[in-house]
Amino acid sequence: MEIKRNEATNNRPAGDRAIDATYVFSDLPSVIAQLRDEKAWAHNDRNGITIFKSDNISIVVSAFKGGAIISENEVEGYLTIQMLQGKAVFSTDDGDTVLSENHLVTLHPHVVHSFKADTDCVVLLTTYLKEDILY
């Protein structure tokens, strides 16, 4: 297997790390601390780090400041949102649900949804694109 790496950038000079390999370890408390220490956190209402990315699966840790909003979002693949810290309101056409620490929501592809951070919060986002299978 070819190991894919995320290269360091000016904004993330310590960013060189494997993001796709036979196995990838992630220290979530360290990732969260890094998100909050970066300039992007000081200047924006959110910051995120991709911790795994293959052709079919992406896993991202994202931190949001209270009041940050993602409106009318839609993902091609399956999506999970796991609330690691804080509280947010998750909305679909069916209504609103409060997500608190350790809550998880799973969506099928193309479900339009919104997310509003009630407090500073951290989520673990996983997307999965199912390969088309030809019979």
N, C-alpha and C. Protein backbone atom coordinates (compact mmCIF):
# COMPACT_ATOMS: atom_id res chain seq x y z
N MET A 1 0.84 -1.18 0.00
CA MET A 1 0.00 0.00 0.00
C MET A 1 0.89 1.24 0.00
N GLU A 2 0.53 2.19 -0.84
CA GLU A 2 1.23 3.47 -0.87
C GLU A 2 0.74 4.33 0.29
N ILE A 3 1.66 4.86 1.06
CA ILE A 3 1.31 5.72 2.18
C ILE A 3 1.11 7.13 1.65
N LYS A 4 -0.06 7.72 1.98
CA LYS A 4 -0.34 9.11 1.60
C LYS A 4 -0.06 9.99 2.80
N ARG A 5 0.57 11.12 2.54
CA ARG A 5 0.94 12.05 3.61
C ARG A 5 0.34 13.42 3.37
N ASN A 6 0.07 14.11 4.44
CA ASN A 6 -0.32 15.50 4.40
C ASN A 6 0.95 16.30 4.63
N GLU A 7 1.28 17.21 3.76
CA GLU A 7 2.53 17.95 3.87
C GLU A 7 2.37 19.18 4.76
N ALA A 8 3.45 19.60 5.34
CA ALA A 8 3.47 20.81 6.17
C ALA A 8 3.19 22.03 5.29
N THR A 9 2.56 23.05 5.89
CA THR A 9 2.28 24.31 5.21
C THR A 9 2.71 25.46 6.12
N ASN A 10 2.66 26.68 5.61
CA ASN A 10 2.97 27.84 6.45
C ASN A 10 2.04 27.93 7.65
N ASN A 11 0.76 27.61 7.45
CA ASN A 11 -0.21 27.67 8.54
C ASN A 11 -0.11 26.49 9.49
N ARG A 12 0.44 25.38 9.00
CA ARG A 12 0.56 24.18 9.81
C ARG A 12 1.93 23.56 9.57
N PRO A 13 3.00 24.21 10.10
CA PRO A 13 4.36 23.75 9.82
C PRO A 13 4.67 22.35 10.34
N ALA A 14 3.94 21.89 11.34
CA ALA A 14 4.15 20.53 11.85
C ALA A 14 3.12 19.57 11.24
N GLY A 15 2.59 19.91 10.08
CA GLY A 15 1.50 19.16 9.48
C GLY A 15 1.89 17.92 8.72
N ASP A 16 3.18 17.66 8.55
CA ASP A 16 3.60 16.47 7.80
C ASP A 16 3.26 15.22 8.61
N ARG A 17 2.31 14.41 8.10
CA ARG A 17 1.89 13.20 8.80
C ARG A 17 1.19 12.28 7.81
N ALA A 18 1.16 11.00 8.13
CA ALA A 18 0.43 10.03 7.30
C ALA A 18 -1.06 10.25 7.49
N ILE A 19 -1.80 10.28 6.37
CA ILE A 19 -3.26 10.37 6.46
C ILE A 19 -3.93 9.15 5.83
N ASP A 20 -3.13 8.30 5.15
CA ASP A 20 -3.65 7.03 4.65
C ASP A 20 -2.49 6.04 4.63
N ALA A 21 -2.63 5.01 5.41
CA ALA A 21 -1.63 3.94 5.50
C ALA A 21 -2.36 2.70 6.00
N THR A 22 -1.66 1.61 6.12
CA THR A 22 -2.28 0.38 6.61
C THR A 22 -2.98 0.64 7.93
N TYR A 23 -2.39 1.48 8.77
CA TYR A 23 -3.04 1.95 9.99
C TYR A 23 -2.52 3.35 10.29
N VAL A 24 -3.42 4.17 10.84
CA VAL A 24 -3.08 5.55 11.20
C VAL A 24 -3.58 5.77 12.62
N PHE A 25 -2.66 6.13 13.52
CA PHE A 25 -3.02 6.43 14.90
C PHE A 25 -3.26 7.92 15.04
N SER A 26 -4.25 8.30 15.84
CA SER A 26 -4.53 9.71 16.09
C SER A 26 -4.74 9.92 17.58
N ASP A 27 -4.07 10.91 18.12
CA ASP A 27 -4.22 11.31 19.52
C ASP A 27 -5.20 12.48 19.53
N LEU A 28 -6.48 12.19 19.75
CA LEU A 28 -7.51 13.22 19.62
C LEU A 28 -7.31 14.41 20.57
N PRO A 29 -6.95 14.22 21.83
CA PRO A 29 -6.69 15.40 22.67
C PRO A 29 -5.59 16.30 22.11
N SER A 30 -4.54 15.71 21.54
CA SER A 30 -3.46 16.52 20.93
C SER A 30 -3.95 17.24 19.69
N VAL A 31 -4.77 16.58 18.89
CA VAL A 31 -5.33 17.21 17.68
C VAL A 31 -6.21 18.39 18.08
N ILE A 32 -7.04 18.20 19.09
CA ILE A 32 -7.93 19.27 19.55
C ILE A 32 -7.12 20.45 20.08
N ALA A 33 -6.08 20.17 20.86
CA ALA A 33 -5.23 21.24 21.38
C ALA A 33 -4.56 21.99 20.23
N GLN A 34 -4.10 21.26 19.21
CA GLN A 34 -3.47 21.89 18.05
C GLN A 34 -4.45 22.81 17.34
N LEU A 35 -5.68 22.34 17.14
CA LEU A 35 -6.69 23.16 16.47
C LEU A 35 -6.88 24.50 17.17
N ARG A 36 -6.90 24.46 18.48
CA ARG A 36 -7.16 25.68 19.26
C ARG A 36 -5.93 26.56 19.41
N ASP A 37 -4.75 26.01 19.11
CA ASP A 37 -3.52 26.79 19.19
C ASP A 37 -3.16 27.48 17.88
N GLU A 38 -3.78 27.08 16.78
CA GLU A 38 -3.42 27.61 15.47
C GLU A 38 -4.04 28.98 15.22
N LYS A 39 -3.38 29.76 14.34
CA LYS A 39 -3.86 31.10 13.99
C LYS A 39 -5.27 31.04 13.41
N ALA A 40 -5.59 29.98 12.66
CA ALA A 40 -6.92 29.87 12.05
C ALA A 40 -8.02 29.94 13.11
N TRP A 41 -7.77 29.36 14.29
CA TRP A 41 -8.76 29.40 15.37
C TRP A 41 -8.94 30.82 15.89
N ALA A 42 -7.86 31.56 15.97
CA ALA A 42 -7.93 32.93 16.47
C ALA A 42 -8.67 33.85 15.50
N HIS A 43 -8.61 33.56 14.20
CA HIS A 43 -9.15 34.47 13.18
C HIS A 43 -10.47 34.00 12.56
N ASN A 44 -10.90 32.78 12.85
CA ASN A 44 -12.10 32.23 12.22
C ASN A 44 -13.02 31.63 13.28
N ASP A 45 -14.22 31.23 12.86
CA ASP A 45 -15.14 30.61 13.80
C ASP A 45 -15.04 29.09 13.81
N ARG A 46 -14.05 28.54 13.06
CA ARG A 46 -13.84 27.09 13.03
C ARG A 46 -12.45 26.76 12.53
N ASN A 47 -12.03 25.53 12.81
CA ASN A 47 -10.74 25.03 12.34
C ASN A 47 -10.84 23.52 12.30
N GLY A 48 -10.19 22.88 11.34
CA GLY A 48 -10.28 21.43 11.22
C GLY A 48 -8.99 20.80 10.75
N ILE A 49 -8.82 19.54 11.10
CA ILE A 49 -7.67 18.74 10.67
C ILE A 49 -8.18 17.40 10.16
N THR A 50 -7.78 17.05 8.94
CA THR A 50 -8.08 15.73 8.40
C THR A 50 -7.09 14.75 9.03
N ILE A 51 -7.63 13.73 9.70
CA ILE A 51 -6.74 12.75 10.34
C ILE A 51 -6.66 11.44 9.56
N PHE A 52 -7.58 11.23 8.62
CA PHE A 52 -7.52 10.06 7.74
C PHE A 52 -8.26 10.40 6.46
N LYS A 53 -7.68 10.01 5.32
CA LYS A 53 -8.35 10.25 4.04
C LYS A 53 -7.92 9.19 3.05
N SER A 54 -8.89 8.41 2.59
CA SER A 54 -8.66 7.44 1.54
C SER A 54 -9.62 7.76 0.40
N ASP A 55 -9.69 6.89 -0.59
CA ASP A 55 -10.61 7.13 -1.70
C ASP A 55 -12.07 7.13 -1.24
N ASN A 56 -12.38 6.38 -0.18
CA ASN A 56 -13.77 6.23 0.22
C ASN A 56 -14.12 6.83 1.58
N ILE A 57 -13.13 7.01 2.44
CA ILE A 57 -13.40 7.46 3.81
C ILE A 57 -12.55 8.68 4.13
N SER A 58 -13.18 9.67 4.74
CA SER A 58 -12.46 10.83 5.29
C SER A 58 -12.89 11.02 6.73
N ILE A 59 -11.90 11.28 7.60
CA ILE A 59 -12.18 11.55 9.01
C ILE A 59 -11.52 12.87 9.36
N VAL A 60 -12.33 13.79 9.89
CA VAL A 60 -11.88 15.15 10.18
C VAL A 60 -12.28 15.49 11.61
N VAL A 61 -11.36 16.10 12.35
CA VAL A 61 -11.70 16.69 13.65
C VAL A 61 -11.87 18.18 13.40
N SER A 62 -13.04 18.72 13.78
CA SER A 62 -13.33 20.14 13.58
C SER A 62 -13.74 20.78 14.90
N ALA A 63 -13.18 21.95 15.15
CA ALA A 63 -13.55 22.75 16.31
C ALA A 63 -14.35 23.95 15.82
N PHE A 64 -15.43 24.26 16.52
CA PHE A 64 -16.30 25.38 16.17
C PHE A 64 -16.45 26.30 17.38
N LYS A 65 -16.41 27.59 17.14
CA LYS A 65 -16.71 28.55 18.21
C LYS A 65 -18.22 28.65 18.36
N GLY A 66 -18.66 28.95 19.57
CA GLY A 66 -20.08 29.14 19.80
C GLY A 66 -20.65 30.14 18.81
N GLY A 67 -21.76 29.80 18.18
CA GLY A 67 -22.38 30.67 17.19
C GLY A 67 -22.03 30.32 15.75
N ALA A 68 -20.99 29.50 15.54
CA ALA A 68 -20.62 29.10 14.18
C ALA A 68 -21.77 28.29 13.56
N ILE A 69 -21.99 28.52 12.26
CA ILE A 69 -23.12 27.88 11.58
C ILE A 69 -22.64 27.26 10.27
N ILE A 70 -23.13 26.05 10.01
CA ILE A 70 -23.02 25.43 8.69
C ILE A 70 -24.46 25.28 8.22
N SER A 71 -24.82 26.01 7.16
CA SER A 71 -26.21 26.03 6.70
C SER A 71 -26.41 25.17 5.46
N GLU A 72 -27.53 24.48 5.44
CA GLU A 72 -27.97 23.76 4.24
C GLU A 72 -26.84 22.96 3.59
N ASN A 73 -26.17 22.14 4.39
CA ASN A 73 -25.07 21.32 3.91
C ASN A 73 -25.60 19.99 3.39
N GLU A 74 -24.91 19.44 2.40
CA GLU A 74 -25.29 18.15 1.82
C GLU A 74 -24.01 17.42 1.43
N VAL A 75 -23.94 16.14 1.78
CA VAL A 75 -22.74 15.34 1.51
C VAL A 75 -23.10 14.21 0.56
N GLU A 76 -22.21 13.95 -0.41
CA GLU A 76 -22.46 12.87 -1.38
C GLU A 76 -22.55 11.50 -0.73
N GLY A 77 -21.73 11.26 0.28
CA GLY A 77 -21.68 9.95 0.91
C GLY A 77 -22.40 9.93 2.24
N TYR A 78 -22.22 8.81 2.95
CA TYR A 78 -22.73 8.70 4.31
C TYR A 78 -21.92 9.64 5.20
N LEU A 79 -22.53 10.14 6.26
CA LEU A 79 -21.87 11.08 7.15
C LEU A 79 -22.20 10.72 8.59
N THR A 80 -21.17 10.73 9.45
CA THR A 80 -21.41 10.66 10.89
C THR A 80 -20.83 11.92 11.52
N ILE A 81 -21.53 12.42 12.52
CA ILE A 81 -21.08 13.56 13.31
C ILE A 81 -21.10 13.10 14.76
N GLN A 82 -19.92 13.01 15.36
CA GLN A 82 -19.81 12.63 16.77
C GLN A 82 -19.37 13.85 17.56
N MET A 83 -20.18 14.25 18.53
CA MET A 83 -19.86 15.40 19.36
C MET A 83 -18.87 14.98 20.44
N LEU A 84 -17.65 15.49 20.35
CA LEU A 84 -16.63 15.17 21.34
C LEU A 84 -16.67 16.12 22.53
N GLN A 85 -16.93 17.40 22.25
CA GLN A 85 -17.00 18.42 23.31
C GLN A 85 -18.05 19.45 22.92
N GLY A 86 -18.72 20.00 23.92
CA GLY A 86 -19.63 21.11 23.68
C GLY A 86 -21.04 20.69 23.33
N LYS A 87 -21.77 21.66 22.74
CA LYS A 87 -23.19 21.45 22.43
C LYS A 87 -23.53 22.22 21.16
N ALA A 88 -24.36 21.61 20.31
CA ALA A 88 -24.78 22.23 19.05
C ALA A 88 -26.19 21.79 18.71
N VAL A 89 -26.81 22.53 17.81
CA VAL A 89 -28.14 22.16 17.30
C VAL A 89 -27.95 21.63 15.88
N PHE A 90 -28.43 20.43 15.65
CA PHE A 90 -28.39 19.78 14.35
C PHE A 90 -29.80 19.83 13.78
N SER A 91 -29.94 20.32 12.54
CA SER A 91 -31.27 20.51 11.95
C SER A 91 -31.39 19.84 10.60
N THR A 92 -32.57 19.26 10.36
CA THR A 92 -32.96 18.75 9.05
C THR A 92 -34.38 19.25 8.80
N ASP A 93 -34.96 18.87 7.67
CA ASP A 93 -36.35 19.22 7.39
C ASP A 93 -37.30 18.64 8.44
N ASP A 94 -36.85 17.60 9.15
CA ASP A 94 -37.69 16.96 10.17
C ASP A 94 -37.64 17.67 11.52
N GLY A 95 -36.75 18.64 11.68
CA GLY A 95 -36.69 19.38 12.94
C GLY A 95 -35.28 19.50 13.47
N ASP A 96 -35.20 19.98 14.71
CA ASP A 96 -33.92 20.26 15.38
C ASP A 96 -33.66 19.23 16.47
N THR A 97 -32.38 18.90 16.65
CA THR A 97 -31.95 18.02 17.73
C THR A 97 -30.71 18.61 18.36
N VAL A 98 -30.66 18.64 19.68
CA VAL A 98 -29.47 19.13 20.38
C VAL A 98 -28.48 17.98 20.47
N LEU A 99 -27.26 18.24 20.02
CA LEU A 99 -26.17 17.28 20.15
C LEU A 99 -25.28 17.73 21.29
N SER A 100 -25.08 16.86 22.25
CA SER A 100 -24.18 17.12 23.38
C SER A 100 -23.04 16.12 23.33
N GLU A 101 -22.10 16.29 24.23
CA GLU A 101 -20.93 15.42 24.29
C GLU A 101 -21.33 13.95 24.25
N ASN A 102 -20.65 13.20 23.41
CA ASN A 102 -20.84 11.76 23.21
C ASN A 102 -22.08 11.40 22.39
N HIS A 103 -22.78 12.37 21.83
CA HIS A 103 -23.88 12.08 20.92
C HIS A 103 -23.33 11.84 19.52
N LEU A 104 -24.05 11.05 18.77
CA LEU A 104 -23.66 10.69 17.41
C LEU A 104 -24.89 10.73 16.52
N VAL A 105 -24.75 11.34 15.34
CA VAL A 105 -25.81 11.30 14.35
C VAL A 105 -25.20 10.74 13.06
N THR A 106 -25.97 9.91 12.38
CA THR A 106 -25.54 9.28 11.13
C THR A 106 -26.54 9.63 10.04
N LEU A 107 -26.03 10.05 8.89
CA LEU A 107 -26.90 10.46 7.78
C LEU A 107 -26.61 9.65 6.54
N HIS A 108 -27.65 9.38 5.79
CA HIS A 108 -27.50 8.81 4.46
C HIS A 108 -27.04 9.91 3.50
N PRO A 109 -26.56 9.52 2.32
CA PRO A 109 -26.13 10.52 1.35
C PRO A 109 -27.25 11.50 0.99
N HIS A 110 -26.85 12.74 0.73
CA HIS A 110 -27.71 13.81 0.21
C HIS A 110 -28.80 14.27 1.16
N VAL A 111 -28.65 14.04 2.46
CA VAL A 111 -29.59 14.59 3.43
C VAL A 111 -29.14 16.02 3.74
N VAL A 112 -29.99 16.98 3.43
CA VAL A 112 -29.67 18.38 3.68
C VAL A 112 -29.80 18.63 5.19
N HIS A 113 -28.76 19.25 5.76
CA HIS A 113 -28.73 19.48 7.20
C HIS A 113 -27.99 20.77 7.51
N SER A 114 -28.23 21.27 8.72
CA SER A 114 -27.54 22.45 9.22
C SER A 114 -27.00 22.14 10.61
N PHE A 115 -26.01 22.93 11.01
CA PHE A 115 -25.34 22.71 12.29
C PHE A 115 -25.03 24.09 12.87
N LYS A 116 -25.45 24.32 14.13
CA LYS A 116 -25.12 25.58 14.80
C LYS A 116 -24.53 25.27 16.17
N ALA A 117 -23.31 25.72 16.38
CA ALA A 117 -22.63 25.51 17.66
C ALA A 117 -23.25 26.41 18.72
N ASP A 118 -23.83 25.84 19.76
CA ASP A 118 -24.36 26.63 20.88
C ASP A 118 -23.22 27.12 21.76
N THR A 119 -22.19 26.26 21.91
CA THR A 119 -21.01 26.58 22.70
C THR A 119 -19.80 26.26 21.82
N ASP A 120 -18.61 26.61 22.28
CA ASP A 120 -17.43 26.09 21.60
C ASP A 120 -17.55 24.57 21.62
N CYS A 121 -17.30 23.94 20.49
CA CYS A 121 -17.48 22.49 20.44
C CYS A 121 -16.47 21.86 19.48
N VAL A 122 -16.32 20.56 19.63
CA VAL A 122 -15.43 19.77 18.77
C VAL A 122 -16.21 18.56 18.30
N VAL A 123 -16.12 18.30 16.99
CA VAL A 123 -16.81 17.14 16.42
C VAL A 123 -15.83 16.29 15.62
N LEU A 124 -16.14 15.02 15.56
CA LEU A 124 -15.42 14.07 14.72
C LEU A 124 -16.35 13.74 13.56
N LEU A 125 -15.96 14.15 12.35
CA LEU A 125 -16.77 13.96 11.15
C LEU A 125 -16.18 12.81 10.33
N THR A 126 -17.02 11.90 9.92
CA THR A 126 -16.60 10.80 9.06
C THR A 126 -17.52 10.76 7.85
N THR A 127 -16.93 10.77 6.66
CA THR A 127 -17.72 10.58 5.44
C THR A 127 -17.28 9.31 4.77
N TYR A 128 -18.24 8.61 4.19
CA TYR A 128 -17.97 7.35 3.51
C TYR A 128 -18.66 7.39 2.15
N LEU A 129 -17.88 7.29 1.08
CA LEU A 129 -18.43 7.21 -0.27
C LEU A 129 -18.44 5.75 -0.70
N LYS A 130 -19.61 5.23 -0.93
CA LYS A 130 -19.76 3.84 -1.34
C LYS A 130 -19.40 3.71 -2.80
N GLU A 131 -18.54 2.74 -3.09
CA GLU A 131 -18.17 2.50 -4.49
C GLU A 131 -19.35 1.87 -5.22
N ASP A 132 -19.52 2.27 -6.47
CA ASP A 132 -20.57 1.64 -7.27
C ASP A 132 -20.13 0.22 -7.58
N ILE A 133 -21.03 -0.71 -7.38
CA ILE A 133 -20.74 -2.11 -7.66
C ILE A 133 -21.49 -2.51 -8.91
N LEU A 134 -20.78 -2.98 -9.91
CA LEU A 134 -21.41 -3.43 -11.15
C LEU A 134 -21.63 -4.93 -11.09
N TYR A 135 -22.84 -5.34 -11.41
CA TYR A 135 -23.18 -6.79 -11.40
C TYR A 135 -23.17 -7.32 -12.80
